[in-house]
Amino acid sequence: MPATLVRGMICRMLDPFDPDSFIVRAEVHILGIEPKISRTLELPITLNLAQLHEVLQAAFGWTDSHLHQFNIGGLIYGAPEFDEDGLSDSRTFEATEVRMIDLHFPYDPEEDPLTILYEYDFGDNWRHLLRLERVAREESAKYPRCIAGKRSGPPEDVGGTSGYADFLEAWLDPDHEEHKAMRRWVGRKFHPEACNLDDINKAIAKAMRVSKGDYRFRRESA
């Protein structure tokens, strides 16, 4: 029997209760934008939420210039030090203390996947919906990684979904009065339909090296 077929059979026989046999696949898109800006990410089960933040920042081209939070079942996770004055309505739990393996995934494939909300930049209010499911680990693959994507992430500080729509209108129309200004502002490398998986995965790998299991900003300020 060919070795590739044997490996395929083993993958199908993996025990869903054995954490070493699976990873987490995340289908992620930014809410409020059509056509969708999306990424398909594959994550190791040991990844914590602070590291997931770094992966999402790299995958969508964000610069980590603003605050963020994860909303999981109404509980907020992130960096608690950003709310030391207690101004937030909700307590922020430490993101490094929750890993992918700690989340509750349905064992029945017919059930809806687990969903969580990642919010970045509370001014522009970029809301990313993550649909998470367990899939078999590939023996030779390196995680985390991005395996698919559509469109470029919006520029920072563009003004949220409505601001991005206005920006695109000007960026795409040579006759628009703001066309040249928008092109200069965003730079020549930007294109709204571009999505380079090699560049994304390089950015993810760099973020993982720098963060070392925590937030990059903590490592850099230490």
N, C-alpha and C. Protein backbone atom coordinates (compact mmCIF):
# COMPACT_ATOMS: atom_id res chain seq x y z
N MET A 1 0.85 -1.20 0.00
CA MET A 1 0.00 0.00 0.00
C MET A 1 0.89 1.25 0.00
N PRO A 2 0.63 2.23 -0.87
CA PRO A 2 1.46 3.43 -0.94
C PRO A 2 1.51 4.18 0.39
N ALA A 3 2.68 4.76 0.70
CA ALA A 3 2.87 5.46 1.98
C ALA A 3 1.93 6.64 2.11
N THR A 4 1.65 7.35 0.99
CA THR A 4 0.76 8.52 1.06
C THR A 4 -0.65 8.10 1.46
N LEU A 5 -1.07 6.92 0.96
CA LEU A 5 -2.40 6.44 1.30
C LEU A 5 -2.48 6.03 2.76
N VAL A 6 -1.40 5.42 3.26
CA VAL A 6 -1.35 5.05 4.67
C VAL A 6 -1.45 6.28 5.55
N ARG A 7 -0.69 7.33 5.19
CA ARG A 7 -0.74 8.57 5.99
C ARG A 7 -2.14 9.16 5.96
N GLY A 8 -2.80 9.10 4.80
CA GLY A 8 -4.15 9.63 4.70
C GLY A 8 -5.11 8.88 5.59
N MET A 9 -4.96 7.54 5.65
CA MET A 9 -5.82 6.74 6.51
C MET A 9 -5.59 7.08 7.98
N ILE A 10 -4.33 7.29 8.35
CA ILE A 10 -4.01 7.65 9.74
C ILE A 10 -4.65 8.97 10.11
N CYS A 11 -4.59 9.94 9.19
CA CYS A 11 -5.18 11.25 9.48
C CYS A 11 -6.68 11.12 9.75
N ARG A 12 -7.36 10.28 8.93
CA ARG A 12 -8.80 10.13 9.11
C ARG A 12 -9.14 9.40 10.41
N MET A 13 -8.17 8.61 10.93
CA MET A 13 -8.42 7.83 12.13
C MET A 13 -7.97 8.55 13.40
N LEU A 14 -7.51 9.79 13.29
CA LEU A 14 -7.01 10.52 14.45
C LEU A 14 -8.10 10.66 15.50
N ASP A 15 -7.69 10.50 16.74
CA ASP A 15 -8.61 10.58 17.87
C ASP A 15 -8.94 12.04 18.14
N PRO A 16 -10.21 12.46 18.01
CA PRO A 16 -10.56 13.87 18.25
C PRO A 16 -10.38 14.29 19.71
N PHE A 17 -10.22 13.31 20.60
CA PHE A 17 -10.01 13.63 22.01
C PHE A 17 -8.53 13.76 22.36
N ASP A 18 -7.66 13.43 21.39
CA ASP A 18 -6.22 13.53 21.60
C ASP A 18 -5.74 14.90 21.11
N PRO A 19 -5.32 15.79 22.02
CA PRO A 19 -4.96 17.16 21.60
C PRO A 19 -3.78 17.22 20.64
N ASP A 20 -2.93 16.18 20.64
CA ASP A 20 -1.78 16.20 19.75
C ASP A 20 -2.15 15.85 18.31
N SER A 21 -3.39 15.47 18.09
CA SER A 21 -3.78 15.03 16.76
C SER A 21 -4.44 16.12 15.94
N PHE A 22 -4.71 17.28 16.53
CA PHE A 22 -5.43 18.29 15.77
C PHE A 22 -4.87 19.70 15.97
N ILE A 23 -5.28 20.57 15.08
CA ILE A 23 -5.00 22.00 15.17
C ILE A 23 -6.34 22.72 15.09
N VAL A 24 -6.30 24.03 15.12
CA VAL A 24 -7.52 24.83 15.00
C VAL A 24 -7.45 25.63 13.70
N ARG A 25 -8.50 25.49 12.89
CA ARG A 25 -8.61 26.30 11.68
C ARG A 25 -9.58 27.44 11.94
N ALA A 26 -9.14 28.64 11.63
CA ALA A 26 -9.95 29.84 11.87
C ALA A 26 -10.28 30.51 10.55
N GLU A 27 -11.57 30.59 10.26
CA GLU A 27 -12.05 31.37 9.12
C GLU A 27 -12.39 32.75 9.66
N VAL A 28 -11.66 33.76 9.20
CA VAL A 28 -11.75 35.10 9.79
C VAL A 28 -12.11 36.11 8.70
N HIS A 29 -13.06 36.99 9.00
CA HIS A 29 -13.30 38.12 8.10
C HIS A 29 -13.68 39.35 8.91
N ILE A 30 -13.45 40.50 8.30
CA ILE A 30 -13.79 41.78 8.93
C ILE A 30 -15.26 42.07 8.67
N LEU A 31 -16.00 42.31 9.73
CA LEU A 31 -17.43 42.56 9.60
C LEU A 31 -17.70 43.93 8.96
N GLY A 32 -18.76 44.00 8.16
CA GLY A 32 -19.20 45.27 7.62
C GLY A 32 -18.57 45.67 6.31
N ILE A 33 -17.78 44.77 5.69
CA ILE A 33 -17.14 45.09 4.41
C ILE A 33 -17.49 44.01 3.39
N GLU A 34 -17.94 44.44 2.22
CA GLU A 34 -18.22 43.55 1.10
C GLU A 34 -17.56 44.11 -0.15
N PRO A 35 -16.94 43.27 -1.00
CA PRO A 35 -16.65 41.86 -0.78
C PRO A 35 -15.78 41.66 0.46
N LYS A 36 -15.85 40.47 1.04
CA LYS A 36 -15.19 40.22 2.31
C LYS A 36 -13.67 40.33 2.22
N ILE A 37 -13.11 40.85 3.29
CA ILE A 37 -11.67 40.77 3.53
C ILE A 37 -11.48 39.62 4.51
N SER A 38 -10.86 38.54 4.05
CA SER A 38 -10.85 37.32 4.86
C SER A 38 -9.48 36.65 4.87
N ARG A 39 -9.29 35.82 5.88
CA ARG A 39 -8.10 34.99 6.00
C ARG A 39 -8.51 33.63 6.58
N THR A 40 -7.89 32.57 6.09
CA THR A 40 -8.04 31.26 6.68
C THR A 40 -6.73 30.91 7.37
N LEU A 41 -6.78 30.78 8.69
CA LEU A 41 -5.59 30.57 9.49
C LEU A 41 -5.62 29.18 10.12
N GLU A 42 -4.46 28.57 10.23
CA GLU A 42 -4.33 27.30 10.95
C GLU A 42 -3.41 27.52 12.13
N LEU A 43 -3.90 27.15 13.31
CA LEU A 43 -3.26 27.54 14.57
C LEU A 43 -2.93 26.32 15.41
N PRO A 44 -1.76 26.31 16.04
CA PRO A 44 -1.47 25.22 16.97
C PRO A 44 -2.36 25.32 18.21
N ILE A 45 -2.66 24.19 18.82
CA ILE A 45 -3.55 24.20 19.98
C ILE A 45 -2.92 24.86 21.19
N THR A 46 -1.59 25.02 21.17
CA THR A 46 -0.90 25.67 22.29
C THR A 46 -0.91 27.19 22.19
N LEU A 47 -1.39 27.73 21.07
CA LEU A 47 -1.39 29.18 20.87
C LEU A 47 -2.31 29.85 21.88
N ASN A 48 -1.81 30.89 22.56
CA ASN A 48 -2.68 31.64 23.47
C ASN A 48 -3.26 32.86 22.76
N LEU A 49 -4.18 33.54 23.44
CA LEU A 49 -4.89 34.65 22.79
C LEU A 49 -3.98 35.84 22.49
N ALA A 50 -2.95 36.06 23.29
CA ALA A 50 -2.02 37.14 22.98
C ALA A 50 -1.29 36.83 21.68
N GLN A 51 -0.90 35.57 21.50
CA GLN A 51 -0.26 35.18 20.25
C GLN A 51 -1.25 35.23 19.09
N LEU A 52 -2.49 34.85 19.34
CA LEU A 52 -3.51 34.95 18.29
C LEU A 52 -3.67 36.40 17.84
N HIS A 53 -3.62 37.32 18.78
CA HIS A 53 -3.65 38.75 18.44
C HIS A 53 -2.51 39.09 17.48
N GLU A 54 -1.30 38.57 17.77
CA GLU A 54 -0.16 38.86 16.90
C GLU A 54 -0.37 38.25 15.51
N VAL A 55 -0.94 37.05 15.45
CA VAL A 55 -1.20 36.41 14.16
C VAL A 55 -2.21 37.23 13.36
N LEU A 56 -3.27 37.67 14.00
CA LEU A 56 -4.30 38.46 13.30
C LEU A 56 -3.74 39.79 12.81
N GLN A 57 -2.92 40.44 13.63
CA GLN A 57 -2.31 41.69 13.21
C GLN A 57 -1.47 41.48 11.95
N ALA A 58 -0.67 40.41 11.94
CA ALA A 58 0.19 40.14 10.79
C ALA A 58 -0.64 39.73 9.57
N ALA A 59 -1.68 38.94 9.79
CA ALA A 59 -2.46 38.41 8.68
C ALA A 59 -3.24 39.49 7.94
N PHE A 60 -3.70 40.52 8.68
CA PHE A 60 -4.49 41.58 8.05
C PHE A 60 -3.68 42.84 7.78
N GLY A 61 -2.40 42.82 8.12
CA GLY A 61 -1.55 43.98 7.86
C GLY A 61 -1.73 45.13 8.81
N TRP A 62 -2.31 44.87 9.99
CA TRP A 62 -2.42 45.93 11.01
C TRP A 62 -1.05 46.20 11.62
N THR A 63 -0.92 47.34 12.28
CA THR A 63 0.38 47.74 12.84
C THR A 63 0.39 47.74 14.37
N ASP A 64 -0.64 47.19 15.00
CA ASP A 64 -0.72 47.11 16.46
C ASP A 64 -0.58 48.50 17.10
N SER A 65 -1.20 49.49 16.48
CA SER A 65 -1.09 50.87 16.94
C SER A 65 -2.25 51.28 17.84
N HIS A 66 -3.20 50.37 18.07
CA HIS A 66 -4.39 50.70 18.83
C HIS A 66 -4.73 49.56 19.79
N LEU A 67 -5.70 49.80 20.66
CA LEU A 67 -6.13 48.79 21.61
C LEU A 67 -6.94 47.70 20.92
N HIS A 68 -7.08 46.57 21.60
CA HIS A 68 -7.81 45.44 21.06
C HIS A 68 -8.44 44.65 22.19
N GLN A 69 -9.32 43.74 21.83
CA GLN A 69 -9.86 42.80 22.81
C GLN A 69 -10.51 41.63 22.08
N PHE A 70 -10.58 40.49 22.78
CA PHE A 70 -11.33 39.33 22.33
C PHE A 70 -12.60 39.23 23.16
N ASN A 71 -13.70 38.98 22.50
CA ASN A 71 -14.97 38.75 23.19
C ASN A 71 -15.36 37.29 22.96
N ILE A 72 -15.33 36.50 24.04
CA ILE A 72 -15.64 35.09 23.96
C ILE A 72 -16.78 34.80 24.93
N GLY A 73 -17.95 34.62 24.38
CA GLY A 73 -19.11 34.34 25.22
C GLY A 73 -19.43 35.45 26.20
N GLY A 74 -19.11 36.69 25.83
CA GLY A 74 -19.39 37.84 26.69
C GLY A 74 -18.26 38.19 27.64
N LEU A 75 -17.23 37.36 27.72
CA LEU A 75 -16.05 37.66 28.54
C LEU A 75 -14.99 38.32 27.67
N ILE A 76 -14.29 39.29 28.25
CA ILE A 76 -13.31 40.08 27.50
C ILE A 76 -11.90 39.65 27.87
N TYR A 77 -11.07 39.40 26.86
CA TYR A 77 -9.68 39.00 27.07
C TYR A 77 -8.78 39.94 26.29
N GLY A 78 -7.64 40.27 26.88
CA GLY A 78 -6.69 41.16 26.24
C GLY A 78 -5.54 41.46 27.17
N ALA A 79 -5.09 42.71 27.18
CA ALA A 79 -4.00 43.16 28.05
C ALA A 79 -4.61 44.01 29.16
N PRO A 80 -4.76 43.47 30.37
CA PRO A 80 -5.45 44.19 31.45
C PRO A 80 -4.80 45.51 31.82
N GLU A 81 -3.50 45.67 31.57
CA GLU A 81 -2.82 46.90 31.98
C GLU A 81 -3.33 48.12 31.23
N PHE A 82 -4.01 47.91 30.10
CA PHE A 82 -4.54 49.05 29.36
C PHE A 82 -5.80 49.62 30.00
N ASP A 83 -6.32 48.93 31.02
CA ASP A 83 -7.50 49.45 31.72
C ASP A 83 -7.23 49.46 33.23
N GLU A 84 -6.06 49.96 33.59
CA GLU A 84 -5.69 50.00 35.01
C GLU A 84 -6.59 50.94 35.80
N ASP A 85 -7.18 51.93 35.15
CA ASP A 85 -8.07 52.87 35.85
C ASP A 85 -9.49 52.33 35.99
N GLY A 86 -9.75 51.16 35.40
CA GLY A 86 -11.07 50.57 35.52
C GLY A 86 -12.16 51.33 34.79
N LEU A 87 -11.82 51.99 33.69
CA LEU A 87 -12.80 52.78 32.95
C LEU A 87 -13.71 51.91 32.09
N SER A 88 -13.26 50.69 31.77
CA SER A 88 -14.07 49.82 30.94
C SER A 88 -15.26 49.27 31.73
N ASP A 89 -16.35 49.01 31.02
CA ASP A 89 -17.53 48.44 31.65
C ASP A 89 -17.33 46.97 32.02
N SER A 90 -16.38 46.31 31.37
CA SER A 90 -16.14 44.89 31.60
C SER A 90 -14.71 44.66 32.06
N ARG A 91 -14.52 43.68 32.91
CA ARG A 91 -13.18 43.30 33.34
C ARG A 91 -12.45 42.65 32.17
N THR A 92 -11.18 42.99 32.00
CA THR A 92 -10.36 42.39 30.96
C THR A 92 -9.50 41.29 31.56
N PHE A 93 -9.68 40.07 31.09
CA PHE A 93 -8.90 38.94 31.57
C PHE A 93 -7.61 38.81 30.75
N GLU A 94 -6.59 38.26 31.37
CA GLU A 94 -5.28 38.15 30.75
C GLU A 94 -5.31 37.18 29.57
N ALA A 95 -4.91 37.68 28.39
CA ALA A 95 -4.99 36.89 27.17
C ALA A 95 -4.01 35.73 27.14
N THR A 96 -2.87 35.87 27.79
CA THR A 96 -1.88 34.79 27.74
C THR A 96 -2.32 33.56 28.51
N GLU A 97 -3.35 33.69 29.33
CA GLU A 97 -3.79 32.57 30.17
C GLU A 97 -4.83 31.68 29.49
N VAL A 98 -5.21 32.01 28.26
CA VAL A 98 -6.18 31.20 27.52
C VAL A 98 -5.55 30.75 26.21
N ARG A 99 -5.54 29.42 26.00
CA ARG A 99 -4.99 28.85 24.78
C ARG A 99 -6.11 28.26 23.92
N MET A 100 -5.78 27.94 22.70
CA MET A 100 -6.76 27.33 21.81
C MET A 100 -7.35 26.06 22.42
N ILE A 101 -6.51 25.28 23.06
CA ILE A 101 -6.98 24.01 23.62
C ILE A 101 -7.95 24.22 24.78
N ASP A 102 -7.96 25.41 25.36
CA ASP A 102 -8.87 25.70 26.47
C ASP A 102 -10.29 26.02 26.00
N LEU A 103 -10.45 26.30 24.72
CA LEU A 103 -11.77 26.65 24.19
C LEU A 103 -12.61 25.39 24.00
N HIS A 104 -13.90 25.58 24.06
CA HIS A 104 -14.82 24.44 23.93
C HIS A 104 -15.27 24.30 22.49
N PHE A 105 -14.82 23.21 21.83
CA PHE A 105 -15.19 22.93 20.45
C PHE A 105 -16.24 21.84 20.42
N PRO A 106 -17.27 21.99 19.60
CA PRO A 106 -18.28 20.93 19.50
C PRO A 106 -17.67 19.67 18.88
N TYR A 107 -18.00 18.52 19.43
CA TYR A 107 -17.50 17.25 18.89
C TYR A 107 -18.35 16.75 17.73
N ASP A 108 -19.57 17.19 17.66
CA ASP A 108 -20.46 16.81 16.58
C ASP A 108 -20.21 17.72 15.38
N PRO A 109 -19.76 17.17 14.24
CA PRO A 109 -19.48 18.01 13.07
C PRO A 109 -20.71 18.73 12.52
N GLU A 110 -21.91 18.27 12.93
CA GLU A 110 -23.13 18.91 12.46
C GLU A 110 -23.44 20.20 13.25
N GLU A 111 -22.79 20.37 14.39
CA GLU A 111 -23.02 21.55 15.20
C GLU A 111 -22.33 22.77 14.59
N ASP A 112 -22.82 23.95 14.92
CA ASP A 112 -22.19 25.18 14.45
C ASP A 112 -20.80 25.31 15.07
N PRO A 113 -19.84 25.85 14.31
CA PRO A 113 -18.49 26.02 14.85
C PRO A 113 -18.47 27.07 15.95
N LEU A 114 -17.43 27.02 16.76
CA LEU A 114 -17.22 28.02 17.79
C LEU A 114 -16.90 29.36 17.13
N THR A 115 -17.50 30.44 17.60
CA THR A 115 -17.21 31.77 17.07
C THR A 115 -16.76 32.69 18.19
N ILE A 116 -15.77 33.52 17.90
CA ILE A 116 -15.34 34.55 18.82
C ILE A 116 -15.15 35.85 18.04
N LEU A 117 -15.16 36.95 18.76
CA LEU A 117 -15.04 38.27 18.13
C LEU A 117 -13.73 38.92 18.57
N TYR A 118 -12.98 39.39 17.59
CA TYR A 118 -11.74 40.13 17.85
C TYR A 118 -11.96 41.56 17.39
N GLU A 119 -11.80 42.51 18.31
CA GLU A 119 -12.00 43.93 18.01
C GLU A 119 -10.66 44.67 18.10
N TYR A 120 -10.40 45.46 17.08
CA TYR A 120 -9.14 46.22 17.03
C TYR A 120 -9.43 47.67 16.68
N ASP A 121 -8.79 48.58 17.41
CA ASP A 121 -8.94 50.02 17.22
C ASP A 121 -10.38 50.43 17.55
N PHE A 122 -10.59 50.79 18.81
CA PHE A 122 -11.94 51.09 19.26
C PHE A 122 -12.51 52.37 18.66
N GLY A 123 -11.66 53.15 17.98
CA GLY A 123 -12.15 54.33 17.25
C GLY A 123 -12.70 53.93 15.89
N ASP A 124 -11.85 53.27 15.08
CA ASP A 124 -12.30 52.78 13.77
C ASP A 124 -13.21 51.57 13.93
N ASN A 125 -13.06 50.84 15.04
CA ASN A 125 -13.94 49.72 15.39
C ASN A 125 -13.92 48.62 14.34
N TRP A 126 -12.73 48.05 14.13
CA TRP A 126 -12.61 46.91 13.23
C TRP A 126 -12.97 45.64 13.98
N ARG A 127 -14.05 44.99 13.57
CA ARG A 127 -14.55 43.80 14.23
C ARG A 127 -14.33 42.59 13.31
N HIS A 128 -13.55 41.64 13.82
CA HIS A 128 -13.21 40.44 13.06
C HIS A 128 -13.96 39.25 13.67
N LEU A 129 -14.71 38.55 12.83
CA LEU A 129 -15.42 37.36 13.29
C LEU A 129 -14.57 36.13 12.98
N LEU A 130 -14.32 35.31 14.01
CA LEU A 130 -13.54 34.10 13.86
C LEU A 130 -14.46 32.89 14.04
N ARG A 131 -14.48 32.03 13.05
CA ARG A 131 -15.20 30.75 13.14
C ARG A 131 -14.15 29.66 13.26
N LEU A 132 -14.16 28.97 14.39
CA LEU A 132 -13.09 28.04 14.73
C LEU A 132 -13.57 26.60 14.69
N GLU A 133 -12.74 25.74 14.13
CA GLU A 133 -13.03 24.31 14.15
C GLU A 133 -11.73 23.52 14.25
N ARG A 134 -11.83 22.31 14.77
CA ARG A 134 -10.67 21.45 14.87
C ARG A 134 -10.50 20.66 13.58
N VAL A 135 -9.26 20.56 13.11
CA VAL A 135 -8.95 19.76 11.94
C VAL A 135 -7.69 18.97 12.23
N ALA A 136 -7.45 17.93 11.44
CA ALA A 136 -6.29 17.08 11.64
C ALA A 136 -4.99 17.84 11.39
N ARG A 137 -4.02 17.58 12.21
CA ARG A 137 -2.69 18.18 12.04
C ARG A 137 -1.96 17.51 10.88
N GLU A 138 -1.27 18.32 10.08
CA GLU A 138 -0.40 17.78 9.05
C GLU A 138 0.99 17.58 9.65
N GLU A 139 1.53 16.42 9.47
CA GLU A 139 2.77 16.05 10.15
C GLU A 139 3.92 17.00 9.85
N SER A 140 4.06 17.43 8.61
CA SER A 140 5.22 18.24 8.22
C SER A 140 4.95 19.74 8.22
N ALA A 141 3.73 20.13 8.55
CA ALA A 141 3.38 21.55 8.46
C ALA A 141 3.88 22.32 9.69
N LYS A 142 4.12 23.62 9.47
CA LYS A 142 4.53 24.51 10.55
C LYS A 142 3.39 25.48 10.83
N TYR A 143 3.03 25.58 12.09
CA TYR A 143 1.92 26.43 12.51
C TYR A 143 2.43 27.49 13.48
N PRO A 144 1.75 28.67 13.51
CA PRO A 144 0.56 29.08 12.75
C PRO A 144 0.91 29.44 11.31
N ARG A 145 -0.10 29.39 10.47
CA ARG A 145 0.08 29.75 9.07
C ARG A 145 -1.24 30.22 8.48
N CYS A 146 -1.14 30.95 7.38
CA CYS A 146 -2.31 31.39 6.63
C CYS A 146 -2.35 30.59 5.34
N ILE A 147 -3.47 29.92 5.07
CA ILE A 147 -3.55 29.06 3.90
C ILE A 147 -4.43 29.64 2.79
N ALA A 148 -5.19 30.70 3.11
CA ALA A 148 -6.02 31.34 2.09
C ALA A 148 -6.38 32.75 2.54
N GLY A 149 -6.69 33.59 1.59
CA GLY A 149 -7.06 34.96 1.93
C GLY A 149 -7.67 35.68 0.74
N LYS A 150 -8.45 36.69 1.04
CA LYS A 150 -9.04 37.53 0.01
C LYS A 150 -8.90 38.99 0.39
N ARG A 151 -8.36 39.76 -0.48
CA ARG A 151 -8.26 41.22 -0.39
C ARG A 151 -7.28 41.69 0.68
N SER A 152 -6.83 42.89 0.49
CA SER A 152 -5.90 43.52 1.43
C SER A 152 -6.65 44.07 2.63
N GLY A 153 -5.99 44.05 3.79
CA GLY A 153 -6.56 44.72 4.95
C GLY A 153 -6.61 46.22 4.71
N PRO A 154 -7.57 46.92 5.33
CA PRO A 154 -7.68 48.37 5.15
C PRO A 154 -6.46 49.10 5.74
N PRO A 155 -6.19 50.31 5.29
CA PRO A 155 -5.13 51.11 5.90
C PRO A 155 -5.51 51.50 7.34
N GLU A 156 -4.51 51.65 8.18
CA GLU A 156 -4.76 52.13 9.54
C GLU A 156 -5.35 53.54 9.50
N ASP A 157 -6.22 53.82 10.46
CA ASP A 157 -6.77 55.16 10.68
C ASP A 157 -7.54 55.70 9.48
N VAL A 158 -8.16 54.79 8.72
CA VAL A 158 -8.91 55.22 7.54
C VAL A 158 -10.33 55.65 7.92
N GLY A 159 -10.75 55.34 9.14
CA GLY A 159 -12.07 55.80 9.57
C GLY A 159 -13.12 54.71 9.65
N GLY A 160 -12.68 53.45 9.85
CA GLY A 160 -13.64 52.36 9.96
C GLY A 160 -14.24 51.96 8.63
N THR A 161 -15.33 51.21 8.68
CA THR A 161 -15.92 50.69 7.44
C THR A 161 -16.43 51.79 6.52
N SER A 162 -17.07 52.81 7.09
CA SER A 162 -17.57 53.90 6.24
C SER A 162 -16.42 54.72 5.67
N GLY A 163 -15.41 54.97 6.48
CA GLY A 163 -14.24 55.69 6.01
C GLY A 163 -13.51 54.92 4.93
N TYR A 164 -13.48 53.59 5.07
CA TYR A 164 -12.81 52.77 4.06
C TYR A 164 -13.57 52.82 2.74
N ALA A 165 -14.90 52.83 2.80
CA ALA A 165 -15.70 52.95 1.58
C ALA A 165 -15.42 54.27 0.87
N ASP A 166 -15.34 55.35 1.64
CA ASP A 166 -15.03 56.66 1.05
C ASP A 166 -13.62 56.66 0.46
N PHE A 167 -12.69 56.04 1.19
CA PHE A 167 -11.31 55.96 0.72
C PHE A 167 -11.23 55.22 -0.61
N LEU A 168 -11.91 54.06 -0.69
CA LEU A 168 -11.87 53.28 -1.93
C LEU A 168 -12.48 54.04 -3.10
N GLU A 169 -13.55 54.76 -2.83
CA GLU A 169 -14.17 55.56 -3.89
C GLU A 169 -13.17 56.54 -4.48
N ALA A 170 -12.42 57.20 -3.61
CA ALA A 170 -11.42 58.16 -4.08
C ALA A 170 -10.22 57.46 -4.71
N TRP A 171 -9.78 56.36 -4.10
CA TRP A 171 -8.60 55.64 -4.57
C TRP A 171 -8.82 55.07 -5.97
N LEU A 172 -10.05 54.62 -6.26
CA LEU A 172 -10.34 53.96 -7.52
C LEU A 172 -10.67 54.93 -8.66
N ASP A 173 -11.09 56.14 -8.33
CA ASP A 173 -11.58 57.07 -9.35
C ASP A 173 -10.55 58.16 -9.63
N PRO A 174 -9.87 58.09 -10.78
CA PRO A 174 -8.86 59.11 -11.12
C PRO A 174 -9.41 60.53 -11.18
N ASP A 175 -10.72 60.66 -11.37
CA ASP A 175 -11.33 61.98 -11.46
C ASP A 175 -11.79 62.52 -10.10
N HIS A 176 -11.67 61.70 -9.07
CA HIS A 176 -12.09 62.14 -7.74
C HIS A 176 -11.12 63.19 -7.21
N GLU A 177 -11.64 64.20 -6.54
CA GLU A 177 -10.79 65.30 -6.07
C GLU A 177 -9.77 64.85 -5.04
N GLU A 178 -10.04 63.72 -4.34
CA GLU A 178 -9.11 63.22 -3.33
C GLU A 178 -8.25 62.06 -3.85
N HIS A 179 -8.36 61.76 -5.13
CA HIS A 179 -7.68 60.58 -5.67
C HIS A 179 -6.17 60.63 -5.44
N LYS A 180 -5.52 61.68 -5.85
CA LYS A 180 -4.07 61.77 -5.72
C LYS A 180 -3.64 61.79 -4.25
N ALA A 181 -4.41 62.48 -3.43
CA ALA A 181 -4.07 62.55 -2.01
C ALA A 181 -4.16 61.18 -1.35
N MET A 182 -5.20 60.41 -1.70
CA MET A 182 -5.35 59.07 -1.12
C MET A 182 -4.25 58.14 -1.60
N ARG A 183 -3.89 58.26 -2.87
CA ARG A 183 -2.82 57.42 -3.41
C ARG A 183 -1.48 57.73 -2.73
N ARG A 184 -1.22 59.00 -2.51
CA ARG A 184 0.02 59.38 -1.82
C ARG A 184 0.00 58.90 -0.38
N TRP A 185 -1.14 59.06 0.27
CA TRP A 185 -1.26 58.72 1.69
C TRP A 185 -1.03 57.22 1.95
N VAL A 186 -1.61 56.39 1.10
CA VAL A 186 -1.55 54.95 1.36
C VAL A 186 -0.29 54.31 0.79
N GLY A 187 0.34 54.95 -0.17
CA GLY A 187 1.58 54.41 -0.75
C GLY A 187 1.35 53.53 -1.96
N ARG A 188 2.40 53.34 -2.73
CA ARG A 188 2.30 52.60 -3.99
C ARG A 188 2.08 51.11 -3.80
N LYS A 189 2.48 50.57 -2.66
CA LYS A 189 2.39 49.12 -2.46
C LYS A 189 0.95 48.65 -2.20
N PHE A 190 0.09 49.57 -1.82
CA PHE A 190 -1.28 49.17 -1.47
C PHE A 190 -2.12 48.90 -2.70
N HIS A 191 -2.86 47.80 -2.67
CA HIS A 191 -3.92 47.55 -3.64
C HIS A 191 -5.03 46.82 -2.90
N PRO A 192 -6.28 47.27 -3.00
CA PRO A 192 -7.36 46.69 -2.19
C PRO A 192 -7.62 45.22 -2.47
N GLU A 193 -7.26 44.72 -3.66
CA GLU A 193 -7.53 43.33 -4.00
C GLU A 193 -6.31 42.43 -3.80
N ALA A 194 -5.21 42.98 -3.34
CA ALA A 194 -3.99 42.18 -3.18
C ALA A 194 -4.03 41.36 -1.90
N CYS A 195 -3.52 40.13 -1.99
CA CYS A 195 -3.40 39.27 -0.81
C CYS A 195 -2.29 38.26 -1.10
N ASN A 196 -1.10 38.53 -0.59
CA ASN A 196 0.06 37.69 -0.86
C ASN A 196 0.32 36.78 0.33
N LEU A 197 0.04 35.49 0.16
CA LEU A 197 0.17 34.55 1.27
C LEU A 197 1.61 34.41 1.75
N ASP A 198 2.58 34.47 0.84
CA ASP A 198 3.98 34.37 1.26
C ASP A 198 4.34 35.52 2.19
N ASP A 199 3.94 36.73 1.82
CA ASP A 199 4.23 37.89 2.67
C ASP A 199 3.51 37.79 4.01
N ILE A 200 2.28 37.32 3.98
CA ILE A 200 1.52 37.17 5.23
C ILE A 200 2.19 36.16 6.15
N ASN A 201 2.61 35.04 5.61
CA ASN A 201 3.23 34.01 6.45
C ASN A 201 4.60 34.43 6.97
N LYS A 202 5.32 35.21 6.20
CA LYS A 202 6.57 35.77 6.71
C LYS A 202 6.31 36.72 7.87
N ALA A 203 5.26 37.53 7.75
CA ALA A 203 4.90 38.46 8.83
C ALA A 203 4.45 37.70 10.06
N ILE A 204 3.71 36.63 9.88
CA ILE A 204 3.27 35.81 11.02
C ILE A 204 4.46 35.18 11.72
N ALA A 205 5.38 34.61 10.94
CA ALA A 205 6.56 33.98 11.54
C ALA A 205 7.39 35.00 12.33
N LYS A 206 7.54 36.20 11.79
CA LYS A 206 8.29 37.24 12.49
C LYS A 206 7.59 37.63 13.80
N ALA A 207 6.28 37.78 13.74
CA ALA A 207 5.52 38.15 14.94
C ALA A 207 5.67 37.10 16.03
N MET A 208 5.67 35.82 15.64
CA MET A 208 5.82 34.75 16.61
C MET A 208 7.21 34.75 17.23
N ARG A 209 8.22 35.04 16.43
CA ARG A 209 9.59 35.09 16.97
C ARG A 209 9.73 36.22 17.97
N VAL A 210 9.18 37.36 17.66
CA VAL A 210 9.35 38.53 18.52
C VAL A 210 8.51 38.41 19.79
N SER A 211 7.30 37.90 19.66
CA SER A 211 6.40 37.87 20.83
C SER A 211 6.80 36.82 21.85
N LYS A 212 7.34 35.70 21.40
CA LYS A 212 7.82 34.64 22.31
C LYS A 212 6.77 34.24 23.35
N GLY A 213 5.54 34.04 22.88
CA GLY A 213 4.49 33.58 23.77
C GLY A 213 3.73 34.66 24.50
N ASP A 214 4.09 35.92 24.26
CA ASP A 214 3.43 37.03 24.94
C ASP A 214 3.08 38.08 23.89
N TYR A 215 2.73 39.27 24.35
CA TYR A 215 2.53 40.38 23.43
C TYR A 215 3.88 40.97 23.04
N ARG A 216 4.01 41.39 21.77
CA ARG A 216 5.26 42.02 21.31
C ARG A 216 5.57 43.28 22.10
N PHE A 217 4.53 44.09 22.41
CA PHE A 217 4.81 45.36 23.08
C PHE A 217 5.40 45.13 24.47
N ARG A 218 5.05 44.03 25.11
CA ARG A 218 5.64 43.71 26.42
C ARG A 218 7.09 43.31 26.28
N ARG A 219 7.38 42.51 25.26
CA ARG A 219 8.75 42.09 25.04
C ARG A 219 9.66 43.26 24.66
N GLU A 220 9.13 44.15 23.83
CA GLU A 220 9.93 45.27 23.36
C GLU A 220 10.17 46.31 24.43
N SER A 221 9.26 46.41 25.41
CA SER A 221 9.42 47.41 26.47
C SER A 221 10.13 46.85 27.70
N ALA A 222 10.41 45.54 27.68
CA ALA A 222 11.04 44.91 28.86
C ALA A 222 12.50 45.32 28.98
